[in-house]
Every structure is written in C-alpha cells, then in structure tokens.
Amino acid sequence: MKPLIRPARLTPGARVAVVAPSGPVPEDRLQAGLDILRGWDLEPVVAPHVLDRHPGFDYLAGTDADRARDLQEAWCDPSVSAVLCARGGYGVARMVELLDWAAMRAAGPKVFVGYSDITTLHEAFAARTGLATLHGPMVAAADFLKNARAQEHLRATLFEPERVQLIASGGRALVPGRARGVTLGGCLCLLAADVGAPGARSSARGGLLFLEDTGEETYRLDRYLTQLGRAGWLQGVSGVALGSWADCDPYDTVRALLLDRLGGLGVPIVEEFGFGHCEGALTVPFGVPGELDADAGTLTLEVPALV
C-alpha cells in the first residue's frame, strides 16, 4: 500500500467549510463547534444545507443531492483550505456516487476531517483522489464540544502536525509486536458495507488498519469482521489498532470476539487506542506511513499528517 498525497496544514485565518454528508445537525451544537473553530483563528463557512432535514427520512440531513452538492461545492471552492464534517449518523453511502470525483481531483488536495459514517468518504477520497484524510472529531459532535483533549489533538494536527507525529494512546497489546504500513480504516460496519462498491479498495494489504464502531451487538461485529475476512479484504494487513466500542456489549465480550476474528492474522494488535466514538478521541491521519507499536500503544508517523 502506497502513502497518499498529504494536503497542506492550516494557517491562521484559513477558511474552512462545514458540511453535513450524513445525519441531521442540532443547531445549538453546530454553533458551539463554530465558536471553537473561530477561537482557533479559522473562518468557518457553513454549507447551505447543513441544517436541512430530509422531507421523508428524518435520519438524513437534507436530500442526497443537496448533501452531495454542499460537499462538492465546498471542496471545489479555491478559497477553502479544509472541509470539516458536522456529524456522522447515516447517509454518505446514498450520496457518494453523486459526487463528481474528477472535478474534486482537479480541485487539488485539501484537508478533510470526520469519522463514523464519514468512513465511506475516507475510503472514497483514498481510492478516487489518492488523498490522505483525517479521522477526527466533527464540528457538532458532543465529545468535541466538551473535551479539551479531542480539541487540542485535532488543533495540533491541523496547525502543527510535527507535534503529533507520535500518537500515544495508552492502549494495550492484544497481540504484541511492531508493524509498519500505511494507515487506513474507520468504522467497522461502514468498511464492511463498502466491500464490492464502485471504486472501493479490494484489500487493506500493507496497511495499519484502525477499527472501531458504536451501538452494535457482538454478533453484528462478528458478521462485519467475517465478511471482511471472506472477501479477502484483511489479507496482508500489517497491524491492527482497535478504538472504541461505545454502546456495544460489555467489552470483555467484544474483546473476545475481536481476538477470535483478528488474532489469526498473525500481526500486532493494540486495543483501546482512543479514537472513534469515545471521550477525548484522538485524530488519526489515514494514508500516512508509520509504525504501530502494540506493546507501547503508540503510532509513530514517518512524516507529519499534513505538509
């Protein structure tokens, strides 16, 4: 797996667009998140349909066409240095094929941030534009609004990425060892759902795979991991980092399932790495080469996340 193109870091005064590719966004939380961005000396620009509600399905932030248009127009705006997602939920899979990926490639690299349902866009940017992205807190997400660690780690990644080339999670080795590769991953159920989709990568060979999820029963997690295995998607993975499993079954049960489904890969695995749906979630760049040390619970990036 080859490293991807890294976009430029942000500088004070940069314009950043906020989009809602998935679920509906509470206005009060959006405004609180915008205040944080302004406090970082950024100029947030809210896309036109961020506060919309789909007329038929209340779990979507506006129509598929409007959500896609907001993202594409923000990305193709030359005055915008970064596109930040307001929240996850569900909906990216419905709109990702409506994007003009040729136009977005031509617009050049810029920073993209999100997690959860945004996993589908991380994969799409990697496969269709060759761009490294940031798996990190979203503007209207509750944890980002209240947690200083989540805010500071994202801010450092955006402005001073050399400071966070070593990501020390405090996690523990599920399978000991060190591994080198290019980072990728996200929400487990979204990665499984992407198998066979247009433009989706066929495997994670050579990658350091970051996995997390939320609100899933153990048998569903089993299904997703089994599907990735059956599809050959896990073959050749160099190492695995496991994040949060919020609102899933008790962690001892989830842990046993993860070891059962992933332990046979014969690669280092670190658990409780502190990214995803958890308090103080760390920002993890995807598409960047590094070394995962399961025993130390660290990821050391070969290069800063942003140039």
C-alpha atoms as a PDB file:
ATOM      1  CA  MET A   1       0.000   0.000   0.000  1.00  0.00           C
ATOM      2  CA  LYS A   2       1.438   3.348  -1.062  1.00  0.00           C
ATOM      3  CA  PRO A   3       1.291   6.529   1.034  1.00  0.00           C
ATOM      4  CA  LEU A   4      -1.274   9.034  -0.170  1.00  0.00           C
ATOM      5  CA  ILE A   5      -0.968  12.727  -1.031  1.00  0.00           C
ATOM      6  CA  ARG A   6      -0.879  14.880   2.098  1.00  0.00           C
ATOM      7  CA  PRO A   7      -2.661  18.241   1.941  1.00  0.00           C
ATOM      8  CA  ALA A   8      -1.240  21.450   3.344  1.00  0.00           C
ATOM      9  CA  ARG A   9      -1.586  22.310   7.030  1.00  0.00           C
ATOM     10  CA  LEU A  10      -3.863  25.144   8.061  1.00  0.00           C
ATOM     11  CA  THR A  11      -2.675  28.621   8.899  1.00  0.00           C
ATOM     12  CA  PRO A  12      -4.399  31.348  10.945  1.00  0.00           C
ATOM     13  CA  GLY A  13      -7.242  32.942   9.018  1.00  0.00           C
ATOM     14  CA  ALA A  14      -7.873  29.901   6.814  1.00  0.00           C
ATOM     15  CA  ARG A  15     -11.403  29.406   5.508  1.00  0.00           C
ATOM     16  CA  VAL A  16     -12.860  26.016   6.409  1.00  0.00           C
ATOM     17  CA  ALA A  17     -16.156  24.691   5.111  1.00  0.00           C
ATOM     18  CA  VAL A  18     -18.545  22.749   7.356  1.00  0.00           C
ATOM     19  CA  VAL A  19     -20.751  20.167   5.643  1.00  0.00           C
ATOM     20  CA  ALA A  20     -23.307  17.545   6.740  1.00  0.00           C
ATOM     21  CA  PRO A  21     -22.995  14.496   4.454  1.00  0.00           C
ATOM     22  CA  SER A  22     -24.955  12.204   6.770  1.00  0.00           C
ATOM     23  CA  GLY A  23     -27.388  12.825   9.617  1.00  0.00           C
ATOM     24  CA  PRO A  24     -29.207  15.949  10.804  1.00  0.00           C
ATOM     25  CA  VAL A  25     -27.263  18.512  12.814  1.00  0.00           C
ATOM     26  CA  PRO A  26     -28.531  20.197  16.022  1.00  0.00           C
ATOM     27  CA  GLU A  27     -28.170  23.933  15.515  1.00  0.00           C
ATOM     28  CA  ASP A  28     -27.003  24.689  19.051  1.00  0.00           C
ATOM     29  CA  ARG A  29     -24.187  22.153  18.813  1.00  0.00           C
ATOM     30  CA  LEU A  30     -23.205  23.460  15.395  1.00  0.00           C
ATOM     31  CA  GLN A  31     -22.932  27.000  16.718  1.00  0.00           C
ATOM     32  CA  ALA A  32     -20.837  25.833  19.675  1.00  0.00           C
ATOM     33  CA  GLY A  33     -18.475  23.998  17.324  1.00  0.00           C
ATOM     34  CA  LEU A  34     -18.162  27.027  15.063  1.00  0.00           C
ATOM     35  CA  ASP A  35     -17.180  29.106  18.089  1.00  0.00           C
ATOM     36  CA  ILE A  36     -14.330  26.682  18.809  1.00  0.00           C
ATOM     37  CA  LEU A  37     -13.084  26.986  15.226  1.00  0.00           C
ATOM     38  CA  ARG A  38     -13.235  30.771  15.407  1.00  0.00           C
ATOM     39  CA  GLY A  39     -11.236  30.567  18.621  1.00  0.00           C
ATOM     40  CA  TRP A  40      -8.518  28.827  16.576  1.00  0.00           C
ATOM     41  CA  ASP A  41      -8.468  31.853  14.242  1.00  0.00           C
ATOM     42  CA  LEU A  42     -10.220  29.950  11.469  1.00  0.00           C
ATOM     43  CA  GLU A  43     -13.023  31.321   9.319  1.00  0.00           C
ATOM     44  CA  PRO A  44     -15.756  28.663   9.209  1.00  0.00           C
ATOM     45  CA  VAL A  45     -18.190  28.750   6.312  1.00  0.00           C
ATOM     46  CA  VAL A  46     -21.362  26.705   6.787  1.00  0.00           C
ATOM     47  CA  ALA A  47     -22.636  24.956   3.657  1.00  0.00           C
ATOM     48  CA  PRO A  48     -26.190  25.924   2.623  1.00  0.00           C
ATOM     49  CA  HIS A  49     -27.914  22.655   3.567  1.00  0.00           C
ATOM     50  CA  VAL A  50     -26.157  21.751   6.817  1.00  0.00           C
ATOM     51  CA  LEU A  51     -29.284  22.342   8.932  1.00  0.00           C
ATOM     52  CA  ASP A  52     -31.699  20.762   6.463  1.00  0.00           C
ATOM     53  CA  ARG A  53     -33.898  17.745   7.198  1.00  0.00           C
ATOM     54  CA  HIS A  54     -34.812  15.201   4.554  1.00  0.00           C
ATOM     55  CA  PRO A  55     -38.535  15.502   3.731  1.00  0.00           C
ATOM     56  CA  GLY A  56     -39.144  11.772   4.041  1.00  0.00           C
ATOM     57  CA  PHE A  57     -36.433  10.320   6.289  1.00  0.00           C
ATOM     58  CA  ASP A  58     -35.626  12.207   9.462  1.00  0.00           C
ATOM     59  CA  TYR A  59     -32.284  10.436   9.897  1.00  0.00           C
ATOM     60  CA  LEU A  60     -30.850  12.326   6.911  1.00  0.00           C
ATOM     61  CA  ALA A  61     -29.608  15.929   6.791  1.00  0.00           C
ATOM     62  CA  GLY A  62     -31.416  17.053   3.659  1.00  0.00           C
ATOM     63  CA  THR A  63     -31.743  15.316   0.317  1.00  0.00           C
ATOM     64  CA  ASP A  64     -28.975  13.198  -1.146  1.00  0.00           C
ATOM     65  CA  ALA A  65     -28.470  15.684  -3.973  1.00  0.00           C
ATOM     66  CA  ASP A  66     -28.192  18.666  -1.614  1.00  0.00           C
ATOM     67  CA  ARG A  67     -25.762  16.922   0.723  1.00  0.00           C
ATOM     68  CA  ALA A  68     -23.590  15.929  -2.238  1.00  0.00           C
ATOM     69  CA  ARG A  69     -23.768  19.418  -3.738  1.00  0.00           C
ATOM     70  CA  ASP A  70     -22.677  21.010  -0.459  1.00  0.00           C
ATOM     71  CA  LEU A  71     -19.619  18.774  -0.230  1.00  0.00           C
ATOM     72  CA  GLN A  72     -18.612  19.153  -3.854  1.00  0.00           C
ATOM     73  CA  GLU A  73     -19.036  22.922  -3.957  1.00  0.00           C
ATOM     74  CA  ALA A  74     -17.081  23.314  -0.716  1.00  0.00           C
ATOM     75  CA  TRP A  75     -14.299  21.077  -2.000  1.00  0.00           C
ATOM     76  CA  CYS A  76     -14.070  22.848  -5.338  1.00  0.00           C
ATOM     77  CA  ASP A  77     -14.066  26.335  -3.799  1.00  0.00           C
ATOM     78  CA  PRO A  78     -10.445  27.539  -4.180  1.00  0.00           C
ATOM     79  CA  SER A  79     -10.777  29.806  -1.141  1.00  0.00           C
ATOM     80  CA  VAL A  80     -11.500  26.840   1.161  1.00  0.00           C
ATOM     81  CA  SER A  81      -8.499  25.109   2.778  1.00  0.00           C
ATOM     82  CA  ALA A  82     -10.355  22.357   4.635  1.00  0.00           C
ATOM     83  CA  VAL A  83     -13.715  20.600   4.690  1.00  0.00           C
ATOM     84  CA  LEU A  84     -14.913  19.536   8.136  1.00  0.00           C
ATOM     85  CA  CYS A  85     -17.932  17.329   8.717  1.00  0.00           C
ATOM     86  CA  ALA A  86     -20.538  18.480  11.222  1.00  0.00           C
ATOM     87  CA  ARG A  87     -21.544  14.981  12.344  1.00  0.00           C
ATOM     88  CA  GLY A  88     -21.971  11.375  11.229  1.00  0.00           C
ATOM     89  CA  GLY A  89     -25.090   9.256  11.519  1.00  0.00           C
ATOM     90  CA  TYR A  90     -26.066   7.669   8.225  1.00  0.00           C
ATOM     91  CA  GLY A  91     -26.310   8.861   4.657  1.00  0.00           C
ATOM     92  CA  VAL A  92     -22.915   9.042   2.925  1.00  0.00           C
ATOM     93  CA  ALA A  93     -23.481   5.786   1.035  1.00  0.00           C
ATOM     94  CA  ARG A  94     -26.596   7.342  -0.537  1.00  0.00           C
ATOM     95  CA  MET A  95     -24.752  10.379  -1.896  1.00  0.00           C
ATOM     96  CA  VAL A  96     -21.155   9.326  -2.583  1.00  0.00           C
ATOM     97  CA  GLU A  97     -21.885   8.301  -6.190  1.00  0.00           C
ATOM     98  CA  LEU A  98     -23.489  11.703  -6.842  1.00  0.00           C
ATOM     99  CA  LEU A  99     -20.137  13.451  -6.394  1.00  0.00           C
ATOM    100  CA  ASP A 100     -18.096  14.454  -9.436  1.00  0.00           C
ATOM    101  CA  TRP A 101     -14.829  12.859  -8.388  1.00  0.00           C
ATOM    102  CA  ALA A 102     -12.988  14.082 -11.484  1.00  0.00           C
ATOM    103  CA  ALA A 103     -13.840  17.667 -10.558  1.00  0.00           C
ATOM    104  CA  MET A 104     -12.829  17.068  -6.953  1.00  0.00           C
ATOM    105  CA  ARG A 105      -9.487  15.583  -8.014  1.00  0.00           C
ATOM    106  CA  ALA A 106      -8.899  18.612 -10.215  1.00  0.00           C
ATOM    107  CA  ALA A 107      -9.631  20.960  -7.305  1.00  0.00           C
ATOM    108  CA  GLY A 108      -6.448  19.726  -5.662  1.00  0.00           C
ATOM    109  CA  PRO A 109      -5.706  18.349  -2.191  1.00  0.00           C
ATOM    110  CA  LYS A 110      -7.135  19.927   0.934  1.00  0.00           C
ATOM    111  CA  VAL A 111      -7.819  18.821   4.486  1.00  0.00           C
ATOM    112  CA  PHE A 112     -10.819  16.568   5.143  1.00  0.00           C
ATOM    113  CA  VAL A 113     -11.959  15.630   8.671  1.00  0.00           C
ATOM    114  CA  GLY A 114     -14.628  13.294  10.026  1.00  0.00           C
ATOM    115  CA  TYR A 115     -15.344   9.848  11.460  1.00  0.00           C
ATOM    116  CA  SER A 116     -18.193   7.348  11.952  1.00  0.00           C
ATOM    117  CA  ASP A 117     -20.378   7.337   8.795  1.00  0.00           C
ATOM    118  CA  ILE A 118     -17.708   9.543   7.190  1.00  0.00           C
ATOM    119  CA  THR A 119     -15.597   6.360   6.905  1.00  0.00           C
ATOM    120  CA  THR A 120     -17.194   5.879   3.483  1.00  0.00           C
ATOM    121  CA  LEU A 121     -15.778   9.229   2.371  1.00  0.00           C
ATOM    122  CA  HIS A 122     -12.326   8.463   3.800  1.00  0.00           C
ATOM    123  CA  GLU A 123     -12.299   5.356   1.623  1.00  0.00           C
ATOM    124  CA  ALA A 124     -13.642   7.231  -1.405  1.00  0.00           C
ATOM    125  CA  PHE A 125     -11.065  10.022  -1.123  1.00  0.00           C
ATOM    126  CA  ALA A 126      -8.286   7.436  -0.827  1.00  0.00           C
ATOM    127  CA  ALA A 127      -9.441   5.356  -3.793  1.00  0.00           C
ATOM    128  CA  ARG A 128     -10.634   8.126  -6.105  1.00  0.00           C
ATOM    129  CA  THR A 129      -8.314  11.039  -5.363  1.00  0.00           C
ATOM    130  CA  GLY A 130      -5.293   9.418  -3.708  1.00  0.00           C
ATOM    131  CA  LEU A 131      -5.667  11.863  -0.812  1.00  0.00           C
ATOM    132  CA  ALA A 132      -4.729  11.396   2.835  1.00  0.00           C
ATOM    133  CA  THR A 133      -7.522  12.389   5.239  1.00  0.00           C
ATOM    134  CA  LEU A 134      -8.010  12.879   8.975  1.00  0.00           C
ATOM    135  CA  HIS A 135     -10.154  10.528  11.076  1.00  0.00           C
ATOM    136  CA  GLY A 136     -11.005  13.002  13.777  1.00  0.00           C
ATOM    137  CA  PRO A 137     -13.628  14.927  15.763  1.00  0.00           C
ATOM    138  CA  MET A 138     -16.556  16.596  13.992  1.00  0.00           C
ATOM    139  CA  VAL A 139     -17.703  20.157  14.493  1.00  0.00           C
ATOM    140  CA  ALA A 140     -21.092  19.446  16.097  1.00  0.00           C
ATOM    141  CA  ALA A 141     -20.168  16.201  17.878  1.00  0.00           C
ATOM    142  CA  ALA A 142     -20.803  16.227  21.635  1.00  0.00           C
ATOM    143  CA  ASP A 143     -17.333  14.963  22.593  1.00  0.00           C
ATOM    144  CA  PHE A 144     -15.569  17.619  20.526  1.00  0.00           C
ATOM    145  CA  LEU A 145     -17.588  20.368  22.162  1.00  0.00           C
ATOM    146  CA  LYS A 146     -16.752  19.348  25.737  1.00  0.00           C
ATOM    147  CA  ASN A 147     -13.425  17.544  25.605  1.00  0.00           C
ATOM    148  CA  ALA A 148     -10.183  19.521  25.704  1.00  0.00           C
ATOM    149  CA  ARG A 149      -8.041  16.544  24.625  1.00  0.00           C
ATOM    150  CA  ALA A 150     -10.093  15.959  21.473  1.00  0.00           C
ATOM    151  CA  GLN A 151      -9.968  19.658  20.627  1.00  0.00           C
ATOM    152  CA  GLU A 152      -6.246  20.059  21.250  1.00  0.00           C
ATOM    153  CA  HIS A 153      -5.183  16.942  19.359  1.00  0.00           C
ATOM    154  CA  LEU A 154      -7.190  17.987  16.312  1.00  0.00           C
ATOM    155  CA  ARG A 155      -5.926  21.578  16.530  1.00  0.00           C
ATOM    156  CA  ALA A 156      -2.321  20.404  16.739  1.00  0.00           C
ATOM    157  CA  THR A 157      -2.815  18.047  13.788  1.00  0.00           C
ATOM    158  CA  LEU A 158      -4.264  20.850  11.679  1.00  0.00           C
ATOM    159  CA  PHE A 159      -1.726  23.572  12.537  1.00  0.00           C
ATOM    160  CA  GLU A 160       1.399  21.893  13.956  1.00  0.00           C
ATOM    161  CA  PRO A 161       1.386  18.287  12.744  1.00  0.00           C
ATOM    162  CA  GLU A 162       5.036  17.696  13.713  1.00  0.00           C
ATOM    163  CA  ARG A 163       3.947  17.916  17.351  1.00  0.00           C
ATOM    164  CA  VAL A 164       1.706  14.860  16.993  1.00  0.00           C
ATOM    165  CA  GLN A 165       3.784  12.524  14.817  1.00  0.00           C
ATOM    166  CA  LEU A 166       3.908  10.276  17.871  1.00  0.00           C
ATOM    167  CA  ILE A 167       0.366   9.340  18.857  1.00  0.00           C
ATOM    168  CA  ALA A 168       0.494   7.803  22.334  1.00  0.00           C
ATOM    169  CA  SER A 169      -2.854   6.199  23.026  1.00  0.00           C
ATOM    170  CA  GLY A 170      -2.347   4.474  26.355  1.00  0.00           C
ATOM    171  CA  GLY A 171      -3.683   1.321  24.694  1.00  0.00           C
ATOM    172  CA  ARG A 172      -2.576  -2.237  25.420  1.00  0.00           C
ATOM    173  CA  ALA A 173      -1.297  -5.077  23.271  1.00  0.00           C
ATOM    174  CA  LEU A 174      -3.922  -7.644  22.340  1.00  0.00           C
ATOM    175  CA  VAL A 175      -1.249  -9.301  20.192  1.00  0.00           C
ATOM    176  CA  PRO A 176       2.268  -7.961  20.888  1.00  0.00           C
ATOM    177  CA  GLY A 177       4.752  -6.654  18.348  1.00  0.00           C
ATOM    178  CA  ARG A 178       5.517  -3.818  15.959  1.00  0.00           C
ATOM    179  CA  ALA A 179       4.316  -3.295  12.396  1.00  0.00           C
ATOM    180  CA  ARG A 180       4.924  -0.793   9.624  1.00  0.00           C
ATOM    181  CA  GLY A 181       2.412   0.245   6.993  1.00  0.00           C
ATOM    182  CA  VAL A 182       0.086   2.956   5.720  1.00  0.00           C
ATOM    183  CA  THR A 183      -2.833   3.917   7.959  1.00  0.00           C
ATOM    184  CA  LEU A 184      -6.459   3.321   6.936  1.00  0.00           C
ATOM    185  CA  GLY A 185      -9.762   2.262   8.432  1.00  0.00           C
ATOM    186  CA  GLY A 186     -12.611   3.771  10.408  1.00  0.00           C
ATOM    187  CA  CYS A 187     -15.998   2.450  11.445  1.00  0.00           C
ATOM    188  CA  LEU A 188     -16.122  -1.334  11.033  1.00  0.00           C
ATOM    189  CA  CYS A 189     -19.711  -1.584   9.765  1.00  0.00           C
ATOM    190  CA  LEU A 190     -19.018   1.030   7.058  1.00  0.00           C
ATOM    191  CA  LEU A 191     -15.879  -0.742   5.867  1.00  0.00           C
ATOM    192  CA  ALA A 192     -17.851  -3.989   5.572  1.00  0.00           C
ATOM    193  CA  ALA A 193     -20.677  -2.213   3.740  1.00  0.00           C
ATOM    194  CA  ASP A 194     -18.179  -0.784   1.242  1.00  0.00           C
ATOM    195  CA  VAL A 195     -16.998  -4.206   0.045  1.00  0.00           C
ATOM    196  CA  GLY A 196     -17.857  -4.524  -3.648  1.00  0.00           C
ATOM    197  CA  ALA A 197     -18.952  -0.893  -4.003  1.00  0.00           C
ATOM    198  CA  PRO A 198     -17.791   1.104  -7.041  1.00  0.00           C
ATOM    199  CA  GLY A 199     -14.230   2.299  -6.612  1.00  0.00           C
ATOM    200  CA  ALA A 200     -13.759   0.629  -3.234  1.00  0.00           C
ATOM    201  CA  ARG A 201     -10.334  -0.806  -2.472  1.00  0.00           C
ATOM    202  CA  SER A 202     -10.167  -4.586  -2.765  1.00  0.00           C
ATOM    203  CA  SER A 203      -7.967  -5.147   0.284  1.00  0.00           C
ATOM    204  CA  ALA A 204      -6.086  -3.489   3.094  1.00  0.00           C
ATOM    205  CA  ARG A 205      -2.829  -5.254   2.210  1.00  0.00           C
ATOM    206  CA  GLY A 206       0.183  -3.416   3.596  1.00  0.00           C
ATOM    207  CA  GLY A 207      -1.959  -1.248   5.827  1.00  0.00           C
ATOM    208  CA  LEU A 208      -2.143  -0.411   9.502  1.00  0.00           C
ATOM    209  CA  LEU A 209      -5.862  -0.957   9.997  1.00  0.00           C
ATOM    210  CA  PHE A 210      -7.754   1.196  12.521  1.00  0.00           C
ATOM    211  CA  LEU A 211     -11.144  -0.221  13.540  1.00  0.00           C
ATOM    212  CA  GLU A 212     -13.915   0.978  15.855  1.00  0.00           C
ATOM    213  CA  ASP A 213     -17.715   1.032  15.990  1.00  0.00           C
ATOM    214  CA  THR A 214     -20.675   2.018  18.123  1.00  0.00           C
ATOM    215  CA  GLY A 215     -24.061   0.619  19.102  1.00  0.00           C
ATOM    216  CA  GLU A 216     -23.534  -2.833  17.599  1.00  0.00           C
ATOM    217  CA  GLU A 217     -24.363  -6.205  19.116  1.00  0.00           C
ATOM    218  CA  THR A 218     -21.499  -8.680  19.171  1.00  0.00           C
ATOM    219  CA  TYR A 219     -22.985 -10.924  16.512  1.00  0.00           C
ATOM    220  CA  ARG A 220     -23.136  -7.955  14.149  1.00  0.00           C
ATOM    221  CA  LEU A 221     -19.489  -7.114  14.790  1.00  0.00           C
ATOM    222  CA  ASP A 222     -18.784 -10.786  14.113  1.00  0.00           C
ATOM    223  CA  ARG A 223     -20.671 -10.526  10.825  1.00  0.00           C
ATOM    224  CA  TYR A 224     -18.724  -7.457   9.668  1.00  0.00           C
ATOM    225  CA  LEU A 225     -15.331  -8.931  10.522  1.00  0.00           C
ATOM    226  CA  THR A 226     -16.264 -12.266   8.976  1.00  0.00           C
ATOM    227  CA  GLN A 227     -17.408 -10.528   5.799  1.00  0.00           C
ATOM    228  CA  LEU A 228     -14.134  -8.609   5.521  1.00  0.00           C
ATOM    229  CA  GLY A 229     -12.259 -11.860   6.022  1.00  0.00           C
ATOM    230  CA  ARG A 230     -14.335 -13.809   3.489  1.00  0.00           C
ATOM    231  CA  ALA A 231     -13.845 -11.048   0.932  1.00  0.00           C
ATOM    232  CA  GLY A 232     -10.070 -11.258   1.323  1.00  0.00           C
ATOM    233  CA  TRP A 233     -10.041  -7.659   2.494  1.00  0.00           C
ATOM    234  CA  LEU A 234      -7.931  -8.422   5.583  1.00  0.00           C
ATOM    235  CA  GLN A 235      -5.268 -10.426   3.769  1.00  0.00           C
ATOM    236  CA  GLY A 236      -1.827  -8.878   4.113  1.00  0.00           C
ATOM    237  CA  VAL A 237      -2.757  -6.333   6.775  1.00  0.00           C
ATOM    238  CA  SER A 238       0.418  -5.313   8.642  1.00  0.00           C
ATOM    239  CA  GLY A 239      -1.094  -4.414  12.003  1.00  0.00           C
ATOM    240  CA  VAL A 240      -4.382  -3.501  13.684  1.00  0.00           C
ATOM    241  CA  ALA A 241      -5.352  -0.731  16.121  1.00  0.00           C
ATOM    242  CA  LEU A 242      -8.701  -1.075  17.864  1.00  0.00           C
ATOM    243  CA  GLY A 243     -10.518   2.023  19.064  1.00  0.00           C
ATOM    244  CA  SER A 244     -13.765   2.471  20.957  1.00  0.00           C
ATOM    245  CA  TRP A 245     -16.779   0.144  21.020  1.00  0.00           C
ATOM    246  CA  ALA A 246     -19.228   2.544  22.649  1.00  0.00           C
ATOM    247  CA  ASP A 247     -22.730   1.244  23.381  1.00  0.00           C
ATOM    248  CA  CYS A 248     -21.769  -2.260  22.257  1.00  0.00           C
ATOM    249  CA  ASP A 249     -21.871  -5.324  24.531  1.00  0.00           C
ATOM    250  CA  PRO A 250     -19.586  -5.452  27.601  1.00  0.00           C
ATOM    251  CA  TYR A 251     -16.007  -5.007  26.459  1.00  0.00           C
ATOM    252  CA  ASP A 252     -14.861  -8.434  27.672  1.00  0.00           C
ATOM    253  CA  THR A 253     -17.331  -9.951  25.213  1.00  0.00           C
ATOM    254  CA  VAL A 254     -16.307  -7.628  22.381  1.00  0.00           C
ATOM    255  CA  ARG A 255     -12.630  -8.205  23.171  1.00  0.00           C
ATOM    256  CA  ALA A 256     -13.042 -11.981  22.898  1.00  0.00           C
ATOM    257  CA  LEU A 257     -14.753 -11.571  19.519  1.00  0.00           C
ATOM    258  CA  LEU A 258     -12.031  -9.240  18.209  1.00  0.00           C
ATOM    259  CA  LEU A 259      -9.327 -11.685  19.249  1.00  0.00           C
ATOM    260  CA  ASP A 260     -11.247 -14.591  17.717  1.00  0.00           C
ATOM    261  CA  ARG A 261     -11.745 -12.862  14.358  1.00  0.00           C
ATOM    262  CA  LEU A 262      -8.454 -10.932  14.106  1.00  0.00           C
ATOM    263  CA  GLY A 263      -5.931 -12.897  16.164  1.00  0.00           C
ATOM    264  CA  GLY A 264      -5.425 -15.385  13.343  1.00  0.00           C
ATOM    265  CA  LEU A 265      -3.992 -12.651  11.118  1.00  0.00           C
ATOM    266  CA  GLY A 266      -0.705 -13.113  12.958  1.00  0.00           C
ATOM    267  CA  VAL A 267       0.004  -9.379  13.185  1.00  0.00           C
ATOM    268  CA  PRO A 268       0.397  -6.960  16.103  1.00  0.00           C
ATOM    269  CA  ILE A 269      -2.911  -5.728  17.510  1.00  0.00           C
ATOM    270  CA  VAL A 270      -3.337  -2.912  20.018  1.00  0.00           C
ATOM    271  CA  GLU A 271      -6.652  -2.355  21.833  1.00  0.00           C
ATOM    272  CA  GLU A 272      -8.242   0.716  23.408  1.00  0.00           C
ATOM    273  CA  PHE A 273      -6.283   3.079  21.188  1.00  0.00           C
ATOM    274  CA  GLY A 274      -8.571   6.014  21.972  1.00  0.00           C
ATOM    275  CA  PHE A 275     -10.096   7.010  18.619  1.00  0.00           C
ATOM    276  CA  GLY A 276     -13.657   6.980  17.321  1.00  0.00           C
ATOM    277  CA  HIS A 277     -16.800   7.152  19.449  1.00  0.00           C
ATOM    278  CA  CYS A 278     -15.106   7.828  22.781  1.00  0.00           C
ATOM    279  CA  GLU A 279     -14.227  10.648  25.132  1.00  0.00           C
ATOM    280  CA  GLY A 280     -11.180  12.633  24.077  1.00  0.00           C
ATOM    281  CA  ALA A 281     -10.937  10.913  20.715  1.00  0.00           C
ATOM    282  CA  LEU A 282      -7.544  11.223  19.045  1.00  0.00           C
ATOM    283  CA  THR A 283      -7.157  12.401  15.456  1.00  0.00           C
ATOM    284  CA  VAL A 284      -5.595   9.691  13.272  1.00  0.00           C
ATOM    285  CA  PRO A 285      -4.429  10.503   9.723  1.00  0.00           C
ATOM    286  CA  PHE A 286      -5.300   7.932   7.080  1.00  0.00           C
ATOM    287  CA  GLY A 287      -2.978   7.366   4.121  1.00  0.00           C
ATOM    288  CA  VAL A 288       0.225   8.163   6.025  1.00  0.00           C
ATOM    289  CA  PRO A 289       3.067   5.670   6.622  1.00  0.00           C
ATOM    290  CA  GLY A 290       4.037   4.813  10.165  1.00  0.00           C
ATOM    291  CA  GLU A 291       4.935   2.234  12.762  1.00  0.00           C
ATOM    292  CA  LEU A 292       2.427   0.727  15.175  1.00  0.00           C
ATOM    293  CA  ASP A 293       3.907  -0.495  18.473  1.00  0.00           C
ATOM    294  CA  ALA A 294       1.276  -2.652  20.151  1.00  0.00           C
ATOM    295  CA  ASP A 295       3.293  -3.070  23.353  1.00  0.00           C
ATOM    296  CA  ALA A 296       3.786   0.685  23.811  1.00  0.00           C
ATOM    297  CA  GLY A 297       0.333   1.594  22.488  1.00  0.00           C
ATOM    298  CA  THR A 298       1.780   4.091  20.023  1.00  0.00           C
ATOM    299  CA  LEU A 299       1.627   5.069  16.377  1.00  0.00           C
ATOM    300  CA  THR A 300       4.722   6.859  15.085  1.00  0.00           C
ATOM    301  CA  LEU A 301       4.155   8.592  11.762  1.00  0.00           C
ATOM    302  CA  GLU A 302       7.081   8.674   9.347  1.00  0.00           C
ATOM    303  CA  VAL A 303       6.014  12.135   8.214  1.00  0.00           C
ATOM    304  CA  PRO A 304       3.617  14.740   9.617  1.00  0.00           C
ATOM    305  CA  ALA A 305      -0.044  14.224   8.748  1.00  0.00           C
ATOM    306  CA  LEU A 306      -0.061  17.484   6.756  1.00  0.00           C
ATOM    307  CA  VAL A 307       2.722  19.197   4.830  1.00  0.00           C
END
